[in-house]
């Protein structure tokens, strides 16, 4: 499952978290629980930059919304 999630473009951390949670249930059940933060596309640029700052991503202040989303998904 981990490898399939990575191939879908999920970060290592996200793929590991989903795989570990699904080991005790099913992927569908994990997906139903869902996150509370919503899709990055729904976030404001300011919120994306704040999240990037939390992750100590360099160059975030000059990134576009699409660039921020891409780099955040890699982490």
C-alpha atoms as a PDB file:
ATOM      1  CA  UNK A   1       0.000   0.000   0.000  1.00  0.00           C
ATOM      2  CA  UNK A   2       2.840   2.387   0.868  1.00  0.00           C
ATOM      3  CA  UNK A   3       4.361   2.101  -2.605  1.00  0.00           C
ATOM      4  CA  UNK A   4       0.993   2.620  -4.305  1.00  0.00           C
ATOM      5  CA  UNK A   5       0.424   5.774  -2.279  1.00  0.00           C
ATOM      6  CA  UNK A   6       3.899   7.059  -3.172  1.00  0.00           C
ATOM      7  CA  UNK A   7       3.213   6.379  -6.857  1.00  0.00           C
ATOM      8  CA  UNK A   8       0.021   8.435  -6.527  1.00  0.00           C
ATOM      9  CA  UNK A   9       2.204  11.355  -5.471  1.00  0.00           C
ATOM     10  CA  UNK A  10       1.775  11.267  -1.710  1.00  0.00           C
ATOM     11  CA  UNK A  11       4.707  12.243   0.508  1.00  0.00           C
ATOM     12  CA  UNK A  12       6.659   9.589   2.373  1.00  0.00           C
ATOM     13  CA  UNK A  13       5.186  10.708   5.682  1.00  0.00           C
ATOM     14  CA  UNK A  14       1.610  10.727   4.421  1.00  0.00           C
ATOM     15  CA  UNK A  15       1.995   7.352   2.700  1.00  0.00           C
ATOM     16  CA  UNK A  16       3.464   5.843   5.871  1.00  0.00           C
ATOM     17  CA  UNK A  17       0.716   7.301   8.056  1.00  0.00           C
ATOM     18  CA  UNK A  18      -2.053   6.010   5.813  1.00  0.00           C
ATOM     19  CA  UNK A  19      -0.407   2.606   5.444  1.00  0.00           C
ATOM     20  CA  UNK A  20       0.043   2.245   9.183  1.00  0.00           C
ATOM     21  CA  UNK A  21      -3.521   3.341   9.919  1.00  0.00           C
ATOM     22  CA  UNK A  22      -4.882   1.037   7.232  1.00  0.00           C
ATOM     23  CA  UNK A  23      -3.009  -1.922   8.701  1.00  0.00           C
ATOM     24  CA  UNK A  24      -5.591  -1.912  11.491  1.00  0.00           C
ATOM     25  CA  UNK A  25      -8.568  -1.249   9.208  1.00  0.00           C
ATOM     26  CA  UNK A  26      -9.129  -0.493   5.537  1.00  0.00           C
ATOM     27  CA  UNK A  27      -7.966   2.363   3.345  1.00  0.00           C
ATOM     28  CA  UNK A  28     -11.577   3.396   2.811  1.00  0.00           C
ATOM     29  CA  UNK A  29     -12.139   3.666   6.545  1.00  0.00           C
ATOM     30  CA  UNK A  30      -8.996   5.770   6.934  1.00  0.00           C
ATOM     31  CA  UNK A  31     -10.127   8.012   4.069  1.00  0.00           C
ATOM     32  CA  UNK A  32     -13.556   8.494   5.635  1.00  0.00           C
ATOM     33  CA  UNK A  33     -11.938   9.830   8.790  1.00  0.00           C
ATOM     34  CA  UNK A  34     -10.157  12.380   6.619  1.00  0.00           C
ATOM     35  CA  UNK A  35      -8.201  15.408   7.627  1.00  0.00           C
ATOM     36  CA  UNK A  36      -9.615  18.559   9.067  1.00  0.00           C
ATOM     37  CA  UNK A  37      -7.481  20.989   7.068  1.00  0.00           C
ATOM     38  CA  UNK A  38      -8.985  20.546   3.602  1.00  0.00           C
ATOM     39  CA  UNK A  39      -7.243  20.428   0.244  1.00  0.00           C
ATOM     40  CA  UNK A  40      -4.282  22.733  -0.283  1.00  0.00           C
ATOM     41  CA  UNK A  41      -6.087  24.219  -3.281  1.00  0.00           C
ATOM     42  CA  UNK A  42      -8.673  25.614  -0.857  1.00  0.00           C
ATOM     43  CA  UNK A  43      -6.016  27.272   1.323  1.00  0.00           C
ATOM     44  CA  UNK A  44      -4.971  30.889   0.912  1.00  0.00           C
ATOM     45  CA  UNK A  45      -1.421  31.686  -0.201  1.00  0.00           C
ATOM     46  CA  UNK A  46      -0.800  33.164   3.252  1.00  0.00           C
ATOM     47  CA  UNK A  47      -1.882  29.921   4.938  1.00  0.00           C
ATOM     48  CA  UNK A  48       0.261  27.883   2.543  1.00  0.00           C
ATOM     49  CA  UNK A  49       3.269  30.071   3.337  1.00  0.00           C
ATOM     50  CA  UNK A  50       2.643  29.667   7.072  1.00  0.00           C
ATOM     51  CA  UNK A  51       2.573  25.885   6.656  1.00  0.00           C
ATOM     52  CA  UNK A  52       5.746  26.050   4.549  1.00  0.00           C
ATOM     53  CA  UNK A  53       7.372  28.098   7.318  1.00  0.00           C
ATOM     54  CA  UNK A  54       6.431  25.425   9.856  1.00  0.00           C
ATOM     55  CA  UNK A  55       8.216  22.902   7.637  1.00  0.00           C
ATOM     56  CA  UNK A  56      11.177  25.292   7.197  1.00  0.00           C
ATOM     57  CA  UNK A  57      10.882  25.326   3.387  1.00  0.00           C
ATOM     58  CA  UNK A  58      13.353  27.756   1.842  1.00  0.00           C
ATOM     59  CA  UNK A  59      12.179  30.232  -0.795  1.00  0.00           C
ATOM     60  CA  UNK A  60       8.548  30.086   0.247  1.00  0.00           C
ATOM     61  CA  UNK A  61       8.056  33.847   0.211  1.00  0.00           C
ATOM     62  CA  UNK A  62       8.602  34.052  -3.541  1.00  0.00           C
ATOM     63  CA  UNK A  63       6.647  30.909  -4.486  1.00  0.00           C
ATOM     64  CA  UNK A  64       3.329  30.953  -6.305  1.00  0.00           C
ATOM     65  CA  UNK A  65       0.341  29.122  -4.881  1.00  0.00           C
ATOM     66  CA  UNK A  66       0.925  26.182  -7.242  1.00  0.00           C
ATOM     67  CA  UNK A  67       4.608  26.009  -6.282  1.00  0.00           C
ATOM     68  CA  UNK A  68       3.727  26.065  -2.583  1.00  0.00           C
ATOM     69  CA  UNK A  69       1.207  23.263  -3.034  1.00  0.00           C
ATOM     70  CA  UNK A  70       3.748  21.171  -4.927  1.00  0.00           C
ATOM     71  CA  UNK A  71       6.491  21.589  -2.342  1.00  0.00           C
ATOM     72  CA  UNK A  72       4.105  20.969   0.568  1.00  0.00           C
ATOM     73  CA  UNK A  73       2.930  17.740  -1.004  1.00  0.00           C
ATOM     74  CA  UNK A  74       6.539  16.588  -1.206  1.00  0.00           C
ATOM     75  CA  UNK A  75       6.916  16.963   2.563  1.00  0.00           C
END
